[in-house]
Amino acid sequence: MEDMLGEHWLLEAVDLLVRVVEAAGIFIIFIGAMLAFVRFVFVGLRHRESRVFVPIRLTLGRFLTLGLEFQLASDILRTAVAPTLLDIAELAGVAAIRTALNFFLAREIKQERREIAELGQPRRTDPDRVAQEPAP
């Protein structure tokens, strides 16, 4: 009887932790989306150039990546206690999808960072820079 009560308590505690971690992931994604939206509205009203949206996308991507990590953590917690083969298979599928999403988001963030760095420096084909460079 004590084992059943202990196991039941453990399952309830893990279920609570899963819900807290899932809620944290949802909250992170929501906050990131709202911040990006507010920045988009303010920047979009002032500027019509697509390059000004790059930092907004970069910030949103960071929030999405972090939120997805929390969601994956909740899935891992869910299967941590007495998993069945079906639970493990579902976790593997979800983990693969979320890992792929994180991979592509990270790649997008890296590309956005490069674009931001390039925006701060004139390009080689910029006539002002070419005129200032000494001849070889």
Protein backbone atom coordinates (compact mmCIF):
# COMPACT_ATOMS: atom_id res chain seq x y z
CA MET A 1 0.00 0.00 0.00
CA GLU A 2 2.81 2.40 0.87
CA ASP A 3 4.46 1.72 -2.50
CA MET A 4 1.27 2.65 -4.30
CA LEU A 5 0.96 5.87 -2.30
CA GLY A 6 4.63 6.72 -2.92
CA GLU A 7 4.35 5.95 -6.62
CA HIS A 8 1.12 7.92 -6.88
CA TRP A 9 2.73 10.89 -5.14
CA LEU A 10 5.73 10.70 -7.48
CA LEU A 11 3.49 10.61 -10.55
CA GLU A 12 1.52 13.59 -9.28
CA ALA A 13 4.71 15.54 -8.52
CA VAL A 14 6.13 14.82 -11.98
CA ASP A 15 2.82 15.79 -13.59
CA LEU A 16 2.92 19.10 -11.72
CA LEU A 17 6.53 19.70 -12.79
CA VAL A 18 5.65 18.90 -16.40
CA ARG A 19 2.83 21.44 -16.32
CA VAL A 20 5.09 24.11 -14.78
CA VAL A 21 7.84 23.56 -17.37
CA GLU A 22 5.29 23.50 -20.22
CA ALA A 23 3.76 26.71 -18.92
CA ALA A 24 7.22 28.30 -18.74
CA GLY A 25 7.85 27.37 -22.37
CA ILE A 26 4.49 28.74 -23.46
CA PHE A 27 5.08 31.92 -21.46
CA ILE A 28 8.53 32.42 -23.00
CA ILE A 29 7.19 31.99 -26.54
CA PHE A 30 4.24 34.29 -25.80
CA ILE A 31 6.44 37.04 -24.32
CA GLY A 32 8.85 36.79 -27.25
CA ALA A 33 6.01 36.99 -29.76
CA MET A 34 4.46 39.99 -28.02
CA LEU A 35 7.79 41.83 -27.78
CA ALA A 36 8.49 41.13 -31.45
CA PHE A 37 5.01 42.29 -32.41
CA VAL A 38 5.31 45.56 -30.47
CA ARG A 39 8.76 46.23 -31.94
CA PHE A 40 7.43 45.34 -35.40
CA VAL A 41 4.57 47.82 -35.09
CA PHE A 42 6.80 50.67 -33.88
CA VAL A 43 9.58 50.03 -36.39
CA GLY A 44 7.12 49.31 -39.19
CA LEU A 45 5.41 52.65 -38.72
CA ARG A 46 8.70 54.56 -38.87
CA HIS A 47 10.70 52.62 -41.43
CA ARG A 48 9.80 50.82 -44.61
CA GLU A 49 13.15 49.07 -45.11
CA SER A 50 13.23 45.32 -44.63
CA ARG A 51 16.67 45.46 -42.98
CA VAL A 52 15.23 47.11 -39.86
CA PHE A 53 13.19 43.99 -39.19
CA VAL A 54 16.25 41.72 -38.97
CA PRO A 55 16.92 42.42 -35.25
CA ILE A 56 13.23 41.79 -34.51
CA ARG A 57 13.37 38.40 -36.22
CA LEU A 58 16.60 37.60 -34.39
CA THR A 59 15.03 38.34 -31.01
CA LEU A 60 11.89 36.36 -31.82
CA GLY A 61 14.02 33.43 -32.96
CA ARG A 62 15.87 33.42 -29.64
CA PHE A 63 12.61 33.35 -27.68
CA LEU A 64 11.21 30.57 -29.89
CA THR A 65 14.36 28.50 -29.46
CA LEU A 66 14.31 28.90 -25.69
CA GLY A 67 10.59 28.15 -25.48
CA LEU A 68 11.02 25.01 -27.58
CA GLU A 69 13.80 23.86 -25.27
CA PHE A 70 11.41 24.17 -22.31
CA GLN A 71 8.76 22.22 -24.22
CA LEU A 72 11.27 19.47 -24.95
CA ALA A 73 12.27 19.41 -21.27
CA SER A 74 8.63 18.91 -20.29
CA ASP A 75 8.35 15.99 -22.72
CA ILE A 76 11.46 14.42 -21.23
CA LEU A 77 10.06 14.86 -17.71
CA ARG A 78 6.79 13.28 -18.79
CA THR A 79 8.53 10.10 -19.91
CA ALA A 80 11.02 10.00 -17.02
CA VAL A 81 8.74 7.97 -14.76
CA ALA A 82 7.95 4.42 -15.91
CA PRO A 83 7.96 5.03 -19.66
CA THR A 84 6.45 2.51 -22.04
CA LEU A 85 7.91 1.79 -25.46
CA LEU A 86 5.13 3.91 -26.95
CA ASP A 87 6.07 6.81 -24.63
CA ILE A 88 9.70 6.53 -25.68
CA ALA A 89 8.76 6.39 -29.37
CA GLU A 90 6.53 9.46 -29.01
CA LEU A 91 9.31 11.29 -27.18
CA ALA A 92 11.78 10.39 -29.91
CA GLY A 93 9.42 11.74 -32.57
CA VAL A 94 8.67 14.93 -30.69
CA ALA A 95 12.33 15.41 -29.80
CA ALA A 96 13.32 14.94 -33.45
CA ILE A 97 10.77 17.51 -34.62
CA ARG A 98 11.70 20.04 -31.94
CA THR A 99 15.40 19.47 -32.48
CA ALA A 100 14.94 20.07 -36.21
CA LEU A 101 13.00 23.25 -35.45
CA ASN A 102 15.74 24.40 -33.10
CA PHE A 103 18.40 23.57 -35.69
CA PHE A 104 16.70 25.64 -38.37
CA LEU A 105 15.97 28.47 -35.93
CA ALA A 106 19.61 28.51 -34.83
CA ARG A 107 20.71 28.59 -38.46
CA GLU A 108 18.32 31.45 -39.13
CA ILE A 109 19.63 33.33 -36.08
CA LYS A 110 23.20 32.85 -37.27
CA GLN A 111 22.29 34.17 -40.71
CA GLU A 112 20.48 37.14 -39.19
CA ARG A 113 23.54 37.96 -37.06
CA ARG A 114 25.69 37.92 -40.18
CA GLU A 115 23.27 40.28 -41.90
CA ILE A 116 23.36 42.64 -38.92
CA ALA A 117 27.16 42.61 -38.94
CA GLU A 118 27.19 43.28 -42.68
CA LEU A 119 24.74 46.16 -42.33
CA GLY A 120 27.19 47.96 -40.09
CA GLN A 121 30.03 47.75 -42.62
CA PRO A 122 30.05 49.15 -46.16
CA ARG A 123 30.32 46.56 -48.88
CA ARG A 124 33.27 46.30 -51.22
CA THR A 125 31.12 47.58 -54.07
CA ASP A 126 30.16 50.72 -52.13
CA PRO A 127 31.45 53.65 -54.28
CA ASP A 128 32.37 55.78 -51.23
CA ARG A 129 34.49 53.01 -49.74
CA VAL A 130 36.16 52.15 -53.06
CA ALA A 131 37.08 55.82 -53.55
CA GLN A 132 38.65 55.96 -50.07
CA GLU A 133 40.71 52.77 -50.40
CA PRO A 134 44.26 53.22 -51.65
CA ALA A 135 45.12 51.65 -54.98
CA PRO A 136 47.09 48.38 -54.71
